[in-house]
Protein backbone atom coordinates (compact mmCIF):
# COMPACT_ATOMS: atom_id res chain seq x y z
CA MET A 1 87.90 89.59 115.08
CA SER A 2 85.88 88.92 111.99
CA PRO A 3 87.40 88.09 108.63
CA VAL A 4 88.38 90.99 106.41
CA SER A 5 85.87 89.83 103.73
CA ARG A 6 83.09 91.73 105.53
CA GLN A 7 82.87 95.15 107.11
CA ILE A 8 84.79 95.55 110.35
CA ARG A 9 82.45 96.71 113.09
CA VAL A 10 83.78 99.68 115.08
CA VAL A 11 82.37 101.07 118.32
CA VAL A 12 83.70 104.43 119.55
CA LEU A 13 83.93 105.49 123.19
CA CYS A 14 84.54 109.21 123.01
CA ASP A 15 83.16 112.52 124.27
CA PRO A 16 81.74 114.87 121.63
CA GLY A 17 84.49 116.98 120.11
CA ALA A 18 87.20 117.09 117.48
CA SER A 19 88.33 113.47 117.84
CA GLN A 20 84.80 112.12 117.62
CA GLN A 21 84.05 114.23 114.55
CA GLN A 22 87.29 113.14 112.86
CA ILE A 23 86.42 109.48 113.45
CA ILE A 24 82.90 109.88 112.08
CA GLU A 25 84.04 111.68 108.93
CA THR A 26 86.85 109.21 108.31
CA LEU A 27 84.84 106.02 108.74
CA LYS A 28 81.99 107.30 106.58
CA THR A 29 84.35 107.33 103.61
CA GLN A 30 85.58 103.76 104.14
CA ASN A 31 83.63 100.76 102.90
CA GLU A 32 85.73 98.27 104.87
CA PHE A 33 84.70 99.72 108.26
CA SER A 34 81.23 100.12 109.74
CA LEU A 35 80.73 102.66 112.54
CA VAL A 36 78.22 100.72 114.62
CA ASP A 37 77.84 103.01 117.62
CA ILE A 38 79.28 106.05 119.40
CA LEU A 39 79.15 105.91 123.20
CA SER A 40 79.83 108.96 125.32
CA SER A 41 78.58 107.73 128.68
CA LYS A 42 79.78 105.00 131.05
CA GLU A 43 76.20 104.07 131.90
CA ARG A 44 75.26 100.58 130.61
CA LEU A 45 78.54 100.54 128.72
CA ALA A 46 79.13 96.78 128.79
CA ARG A 47 75.55 96.03 127.75
CA GLN A 48 75.71 98.42 124.80
CA ILE A 49 79.05 97.04 123.62
CA ARG A 50 77.83 93.47 123.91
CA ALA A 51 74.80 94.31 121.79
CA ALA A 52 76.96 96.01 119.15
CA GLU A 53 79.33 93.01 118.77
CA PRO A 54 82.30 95.16 117.72
CA ASP A 55 85.50 93.96 116.13
CA ILE A 56 87.32 97.13 117.22
CA LEU A 57 86.76 99.37 120.25
CA LEU A 58 88.16 102.87 119.70
CA VAL A 59 88.50 104.37 123.19
CA ASP A 60 89.46 107.96 124.01
CA SER A 61 91.74 108.58 126.99
CA GLN A 62 88.92 110.35 128.83
CA LEU A 63 85.17 109.77 128.98
CA GLU A 64 82.93 112.18 130.86
CA SER A 65 86.13 113.99 131.98
CA GLU A 66 87.49 110.86 133.70
CA SER A 67 90.36 108.58 132.69
CA THR A 68 89.39 105.45 130.76
CA MET A 69 92.38 103.41 131.96
CA ASP A 70 90.22 101.24 134.23
CA ILE A 71 87.58 100.99 131.51
CA ILE A 72 90.15 99.65 129.05
CA ASP A 73 91.29 97.15 131.66
CA ASP A 74 87.72 95.90 132.20
CA LEU A 75 86.81 95.83 128.51
CA ALA A 76 89.94 93.84 127.61
CA LEU A 77 88.81 91.12 130.01
CA GLN A 78 85.09 91.22 129.11
CA PHE A 79 85.53 91.42 125.33
CA PRO A 80 88.75 89.54 124.44
CA THR A 81 87.76 89.20 120.76
CA ALA A 82 87.47 92.98 120.28
CA ALA A 83 90.69 94.86 119.58
CA ILE A 84 90.99 97.98 121.74
CA VAL A 85 92.63 101.02 120.14
CA ALA A 86 93.30 103.83 122.63
CA ILE A 87 93.41 107.53 121.73
CA LEU A 88 96.05 109.31 123.81
CA PRO A 89 96.40 113.07 124.30
CA SER A 90 100.21 113.10 124.05
CA ASN A 91 103.20 111.03 123.04
CA ASP A 92 104.04 109.96 126.59
CA PRO A 93 105.75 106.52 126.64
CA VAL A 94 104.74 105.95 130.26
CA VAL A 95 101.04 106.45 129.48
CA ALA A 96 101.40 104.36 126.32
CA GLN A 97 102.83 101.48 128.31
CA GLN A 98 100.07 101.80 130.90
CA VAL A 99 97.27 101.51 128.33
CA MET A 100 98.97 98.55 126.68
CA LEU A 101 99.37 96.82 130.02
CA ALA A 102 95.68 97.53 130.58
CA GLY A 103 94.88 95.61 127.40
CA ALA A 104 94.92 98.03 124.47
CA ARG A 105 96.33 96.53 121.30
CA ALA A 106 97.17 99.80 119.58
CA PHE A 107 97.06 103.52 120.22
CA LEU A 108 96.81 106.81 118.37
CA ILE A 109 98.10 110.21 119.40
CA ALA A 110 95.55 113.04 119.17
CA PRO A 111 95.20 114.99 117.03
CA PHE A 112 95.54 112.35 114.34
CA THR A 113 94.96 112.37 110.59
CA GLN A 114 92.57 110.23 108.59
CA ILE A 115 95.56 108.30 107.26
CA ASN A 116 96.80 107.61 110.82
CA LEU A 117 93.40 106.32 111.87
CA ILE A 118 92.72 104.10 108.87
CA SER A 119 96.23 102.65 108.71
CA THR A 120 96.08 101.72 112.40
CA LEU A 121 92.64 100.10 112.09
CA ARG A 122 93.73 98.20 108.99
CA ARG A 123 96.88 96.98 110.66
CA VAL A 124 95.00 95.73 113.72
CA THR A 125 92.49 93.98 111.45
CA GLU A 126 95.16 92.36 109.31
CA LEU A 127 97.19 91.01 112.20
CA GLU A 128 94.17 89.82 114.14
CA GLY A 129 93.03 87.93 111.04
CA ARG A 130 96.44 86.29 110.80
CA ARG A 131 96.22 85.29 114.46
CA GLN A 132 92.85 83.64 113.91
CA GLN A 133 94.15 81.71 110.94
CA SER A 134 97.11 80.39 112.91
CA GLN A 135 94.86 79.41 115.82
CA SER A 136 92.35 77.64 113.58
CA TYR A 137 95.03 75.46 111.96
CA ILE A 138 94.85 71.98 113.49
CA PRO A 139 97.18 69.35 112.00
CA SER A 140 95.30 66.14 111.25
CA GLN A 141 96.59 62.69 112.15
CA LEU A 142 100.17 63.79 112.76
CA PRO A 143 102.20 62.14 115.50
CA GLU A 144 103.36 64.26 118.40
CA ALA A 145 107.04 65.21 118.19
CA MET A 146 109.49 66.84 120.54
CA ARG A 147 112.16 69.40 119.79
CA PRO A 148 114.62 71.30 121.97
CA LEU A 149 114.08 74.91 122.91
CA ARG A 150 115.67 77.20 120.32
CA SER A 151 114.78 80.78 121.27
CA VAL A 152 114.16 82.91 124.34
CA THR A 153 113.21 86.55 124.77
CA PHE A 154 114.34 88.44 127.88
CA TYR A 155 111.86 91.12 128.95
CA SER A 156 110.86 93.17 131.97
CA PRO A 157 108.07 95.74 132.19
CA ARG A 158 110.31 97.86 134.40
CA GLY A 159 113.69 99.33 133.49
CA GLY A 160 116.81 98.71 135.53
CA THR A 161 116.18 95.03 136.23
CA GLY A 162 119.24 93.85 134.27
CA VAL A 163 117.51 92.45 131.18
CA THR A 164 120.34 93.29 128.77
CA SER A 165 123.07 91.96 131.03
CA LEU A 166 121.20 88.70 131.59
CA ALA A 167 120.52 88.27 127.88
CA VAL A 168 124.20 88.80 127.03
CA ASN A 169 125.52 86.38 129.61
CA THR A 170 122.86 83.76 128.96
CA ALA A 171 123.74 83.77 125.25
CA ILE A 172 127.38 83.19 126.17
CA GLY A 173 126.38 80.52 128.67
CA LEU A 174 124.42 78.64 126.00
CA ALA A 175 127.38 78.81 123.62
CA GLU A 176 129.76 77.53 126.29
CA GLU A 177 127.47 74.71 127.39
CA THR A 178 126.55 73.45 123.92
CA GLY A 179 129.31 74.58 121.55
CA LYS A 180 126.55 75.46 119.09
CA ARG A 181 125.78 78.60 117.08
CA VAL A 182 124.14 81.28 119.26
CA LEU A 183 122.81 84.65 118.08
CA LEU A 184 122.21 87.52 120.49
CA PHE A 185 119.41 89.58 118.93
CA GLU A 186 118.93 93.22 119.98
CA GLY A 187 115.17 93.70 119.96
CA LYS A 188 115.29 97.08 121.70
CA VAL A 189 115.59 99.15 118.52
CA PHE A 190 115.72 102.47 120.40
CA PHE A 191 118.58 103.11 122.83
CA GLY A 192 119.90 99.57 123.02
CA HIS A 193 123.00 98.84 125.11
CA LEU A 194 124.53 95.72 123.58
CA GLU A 195 127.17 97.75 121.76
CA VAL A 196 128.32 99.24 125.08
CA ILE A 197 128.12 96.12 127.23
CA LEU A 198 130.02 94.08 124.64
CA ASN A 199 132.38 96.90 123.60
CA LEU A 200 131.51 96.48 119.91
CA LYS A 201 132.24 98.90 117.10
CA VAL A 202 130.34 97.90 113.98
CA GLN A 203 128.85 99.59 110.94
CA ASN A 204 126.03 97.17 110.13
CA ALA A 205 122.76 96.58 111.96
CA LEU A 206 119.58 94.55 111.66
CA SER A 207 118.06 97.35 109.58
CA ASP A 208 120.43 96.27 106.77
CA LEU A 209 118.60 92.93 106.62
CA ILE A 210 115.10 94.40 106.21
CA PRO A 211 115.17 94.66 102.38
CA HIS A 212 116.20 91.00 102.19
CA ALA A 213 114.18 89.66 105.14
CA SER A 214 112.13 87.24 103.02
CA ASN A 215 115.25 85.55 101.65
CA LEU A 216 118.12 85.76 104.12
CA ASP A 217 121.09 83.62 103.12
CA GLU A 218 124.04 82.74 105.32
CA ASN A 219 126.48 85.03 103.53
CA LEU A 220 124.27 88.09 103.99
CA ILE A 221 123.72 87.33 107.65
CA HIS A 222 127.45 86.83 108.11
CA ASP A 223 128.10 90.28 106.63
CA VAL A 224 125.73 91.96 109.10
CA VAL A 225 126.14 90.11 112.40
CA CYS A 226 129.14 90.83 114.59
CA PRO A 227 131.22 87.97 116.04
CA HIS A 228 132.17 88.36 119.70
CA PRO A 229 135.32 86.89 121.28
CA SER A 230 133.10 84.77 123.55
CA GLY A 231 131.94 82.79 120.51
CA ILE A 232 128.46 84.24 120.04
CA HIS A 233 127.24 86.37 117.15
CA VAL A 234 125.44 89.66 117.80
CA LEU A 235 122.79 91.34 115.66
CA LEU A 236 122.62 94.98 116.75
CA ALA A 237 119.83 97.49 116.40
CA PRO A 238 120.72 100.61 114.37
CA ALA A 239 122.50 103.40 116.24
CA ASN A 240 120.71 105.99 114.09
CA VAL A 241 117.38 106.93 115.71
CA GLN A 242 115.87 108.03 112.39
CA ILE A 243 116.55 104.62 110.88
CA ALA A 244 115.12 102.92 113.98
CA GLN A 245 111.90 104.92 113.61
CA GLY A 246 111.24 103.27 110.27
CA ILE A 247 111.49 99.70 111.58
CA ARG A 248 108.16 97.89 111.86
CA ALA A 249 107.27 94.90 113.98
CA GLU A 250 106.65 92.96 110.77
CA ASP A 251 110.25 93.66 109.69
CA ILE A 252 111.62 92.40 113.00
CA TYR A 253 109.48 89.27 112.85
CA ASN A 254 110.63 88.46 109.31
CA ILE A 255 114.28 88.93 110.29
CA PHE A 256 113.78 86.76 113.39
CA VAL A 257 112.35 83.94 111.30
CA GLY A 258 115.11 84.33 108.71
CA VAL A 259 118.05 84.20 111.11
CA SER A 260 116.46 81.34 113.08
CA ARG A 261 117.18 79.06 110.15
CA HIS A 262 120.93 79.61 110.58
CA TYR A 263 121.39 79.45 114.38
CA ASP A 264 120.82 76.79 117.00
CA TYR A 265 119.81 79.32 119.65
CA ILE A 266 118.43 82.86 119.48
CA VAL A 267 118.58 85.02 122.62
CA VAL A 268 116.60 88.25 122.35
CA ASP A 269 117.12 91.36 124.45
CA ALA A 270 113.66 92.95 124.29
CA GLY A 271 114.45 95.57 126.92
CA GLY A 272 111.74 97.24 128.95
CA PRO A 273 109.39 99.27 126.73
CA LEU A 274 106.19 97.38 125.94
CA ASN A 275 105.56 98.04 122.27
CA ASP A 276 104.70 96.23 119.07
CA ILE A 277 108.28 95.10 118.47
CA SER A 278 109.04 93.80 121.97
CA VAL A 279 105.80 91.86 122.22
CA THR A 280 106.12 90.45 118.71
CA LEU A 281 109.51 89.09 119.76
CA MET A 282 107.92 87.61 122.87
CA ASP A 283 105.34 85.93 120.67
CA ALA A 284 107.94 84.54 118.29
CA ALA A 285 110.23 83.06 120.96
CA ASP A 286 109.79 79.60 122.45
CA ARG A 287 109.97 81.01 125.96
CA ILE A 288 109.73 84.45 127.57
CA LEU A 289 112.21 85.01 130.39
CA LEU A 290 110.35 87.56 132.48
CA VAL A 291 112.91 89.37 134.63
CA SER A 292 111.98 90.85 137.98
CA THR A 293 113.85 92.03 141.05
CA PRO A 294 112.83 91.69 144.72
CA ASP A 295 111.41 95.20 145.19
CA LEU A 296 107.74 96.16 145.38
CA ALA A 297 107.70 98.57 142.43
CA THR A 298 109.12 95.99 140.03
CA LEU A 299 106.92 93.23 141.42
CA HIS A 300 103.88 95.44 140.91
CA ASP A 301 104.72 95.95 137.23
CA THR A 302 105.55 92.27 136.83
CA SER A 303 102.17 91.33 138.28
CA ARG A 304 100.43 93.63 135.82
CA PHE A 305 102.27 92.08 132.92
CA LEU A 306 101.35 88.57 134.06
CA GLN A 307 97.70 89.58 134.22
CA LEU A 308 97.92 90.97 130.70
CA SER A 309 99.67 87.87 129.37
CA ARG A 310 96.94 85.63 130.72
CA SER A 311 94.13 87.70 129.23
CA LEU A 312 95.92 87.61 125.86
CA GLY A 313 96.32 83.86 125.83
CA TYR A 314 99.97 83.14 126.68
CA PRO A 315 100.15 79.56 127.95
CA ALA A 316 101.46 79.41 131.49
CA GLU A 317 104.50 77.37 130.50
CA LYS A 318 105.67 80.00 127.99
CA ILE A 319 106.64 82.51 130.69
CA LEU A 320 109.59 81.67 132.92
CA MET A 321 110.08 83.98 135.89
CA ILE A 322 113.68 85.04 136.44
CA LEU A 323 114.46 86.74 139.76
CA ASN A 324 117.53 88.92 139.34
CA LYS A 325 119.49 90.33 142.29
CA ALA A 326 118.27 87.45 144.44
CA GLY A 327 119.44 87.73 148.04
CA ILE A 328 119.84 91.51 147.97
CA GLU A 329 119.69 93.02 151.43
CA GLY A 330 116.19 94.21 152.28
CA GLY A 331 114.63 92.50 149.27
CA VAL A 332 111.23 90.79 149.29
CA LYS A 333 111.51 87.12 150.21
CA LEU A 334 111.07 84.44 147.56
CA LYS A 335 107.98 82.87 149.12
CA ASP A 336 106.31 86.28 149.31
CA ILE A 337 107.22 87.03 145.68
CA GLU A 338 105.68 83.78 144.47
CA GLY A 339 102.64 84.39 146.65
CA VAL A 340 102.07 87.89 145.27
CA LEU A 341 102.65 86.90 141.63
CA HIS A 342 100.87 83.53 141.88
CA THR A 343 103.75 82.24 139.78
CA GLN A 344 106.71 80.05 140.63
CA VAL A 345 110.13 81.60 140.11
CA TYR A 346 111.92 79.50 137.48
CA HIS A 347 115.44 80.63 138.30
CA GLN A 348 117.30 83.07 140.56
CA ILE A 349 120.35 85.13 139.61
CA ALA A 350 122.49 85.88 142.64
CA ASP A 351 123.00 89.52 143.57
CA ASP A 352 126.59 90.38 142.64
CA PRO A 353 126.54 94.16 142.09
CA ALA A 354 130.26 94.92 142.23
CA ASN A 355 131.33 92.31 139.68
CA VAL A 356 128.39 93.00 137.40
CA LEU A 357 129.03 96.75 137.41
CA ARG A 358 132.76 96.34 136.78
CA SER A 359 132.11 94.01 133.87
CA ILE A 360 129.67 96.47 132.30
CA ASN A 361 132.10 99.37 132.66
CA ARG A 362 134.88 97.31 131.08
CA GLY A 363 132.73 96.05 128.22
CA ILE A 364 133.40 92.43 129.18
CA PRO A 365 130.46 90.18 130.18
CA PHE A 366 130.74 89.00 133.77
CA LEU A 367 130.51 85.36 132.67
CA VAL A 368 133.80 85.94 130.82
CA TYR A 369 135.46 88.36 133.25
CA TYR A 370 134.37 86.69 136.51
CA PRO A 371 133.47 83.11 135.52
CA ARG A 372 133.46 81.90 139.13
CA SER A 373 131.37 84.69 140.61
CA SER A 374 127.98 83.95 142.14
CA ALA A 375 126.18 85.67 139.25
CA SER A 376 128.17 83.66 136.69
CA ARG A 377 127.35 80.38 138.41
CA SER A 378 123.68 81.37 138.35
CA ILE A 379 123.84 82.07 134.61
CA GLN A 380 125.63 78.79 133.91
CA GLN A 381 122.86 76.91 135.70
CA LEU A 382 120.21 78.88 133.83
CA ALA A 383 121.81 77.90 130.51
CA LYS A 384 121.79 74.23 131.55
CA ASN A 385 118.13 74.48 132.55
CA LEU A 386 117.16 76.04 129.22
CA ILE A 387 119.02 73.39 127.25
CA SER A 388 116.99 70.69 129.01
CA ILE A 389 113.64 72.16 127.89
CA ASN A 390 111.85 70.20 125.18
CA LEU A 391 108.80 71.48 123.32
CA ARG A 392 105.89 69.42 122.05
CA GLU A 393 104.97 69.83 118.40
CA ALA A 394 102.54 67.98 116.19
CA GLY A 395 104.54 65.98 113.70
CA ARG A 396 107.06 68.62 112.70
CA VAL A 397 109.73 70.97 113.92
CA ALA A 398 108.28 74.37 113.17
CA GLU A 399 109.97 77.68 112.79
CA PRO A 400 108.91 80.43 115.18
CA LEU A 401 105.40 81.64 114.48
CA VAL A 402 103.23 84.36 115.98
CA THR A 403 100.41 82.21 117.34
CA HIS A 404 98.18 84.64 119.20
CA LYS A 405 97.23 88.21 119.49
CA ALA A 406 99.70 89.65 122.00
CA GLY A 407 102.61 90.62 119.79
CA SER A 408 100.73 91.68 116.74
CA ASP A 409 97.95 93.44 118.61
CA MET A 410 100.08 95.79 120.70
CA LEU A 411 100.85 98.22 117.92
CA LEU A 412 102.28 101.68 117.99
CA ALA A 413 100.27 104.02 115.84
CA SER A 414 101.97 105.33 112.72
CA SER A 415 101.67 108.85 114.12
CA ARG A 416 104.15 107.96 116.89
CA LEU A 417 106.61 106.40 114.48
CA GLY A 418 106.52 109.46 112.28
């Protein structure tokens, strides 16, 4: 995307109607945006967009009475430098996730206000500019250095794959293997489960750190995080949904950077929803542990996410495939999984449903409650594998940094967040 010092070029794909009129009237009043073209037909679409050289593509959910999901998918691949903002007819999280997996970097819910539209476009512009600056920075004449892995984000595009359970037990595994300070970070700000799985009763949450995110000291962090008997510390998302609604991806990123200064390892539970917060946490982490299970529905969603990650510039080594429930009866075989995903499975977690379920119901992680179970042995080996990972850096040990567009581009519109 172009620098913010000139007008941001916007192309609109939208049928004539209320949304189109609202966009026209809004952008006419803004000097920072230039409405380059309005397209209401799929004919010669790619050619017209290429000629317009847009910075932002504002795409309605339907064009000529047909869904634009496939169009968004194609445009994201053909025009990777243009940020796609989708206009959705309703606040349906399933549809929202689908358009983001297709390549949209933000979305609005119709009908929207002028403030909703402009704030979303400004936010996309700002974060894309920051991405370009970070990409253009090339250290000069600095020797290559190595540092150990310090942070991982567990994520799955499909619910029910065991992301939270794996994040919890991996954090404990890292603490047991290294004896170092480990923070379990709840990145799923809505309806997180760490409090239940770990049987925690606390008053404070990561939202308490937001006002101080730029200057987090150890005492403040100590007052907010919750120590667990296993030896790890836990930073919980707020239990109050209204408070959670006010948390921005920028807030989460600032907290992540702040707490990273005080812990040797950060393990993030990003859950399943694909939104601005979860993808920002994927950006910030050294590695993404992409969790899948050996069933076709989950593998389908995993494949879609891998396609999206490649189009958005994730290096192949950043994503580590974790196959949970490996060996389950009737499951897809490993060689077929790797063939379908075109990705090697980094690690397998043995299927151990009875012990895992009992540990969840008791609020005691299975690595603690059943340390010799097949699932626990799998987690212990995963922790050892992660500890052995070293990262190349040019002459310095950097703090986590959002280095490309994925996390900061996939934004929820302010209309959804209220």
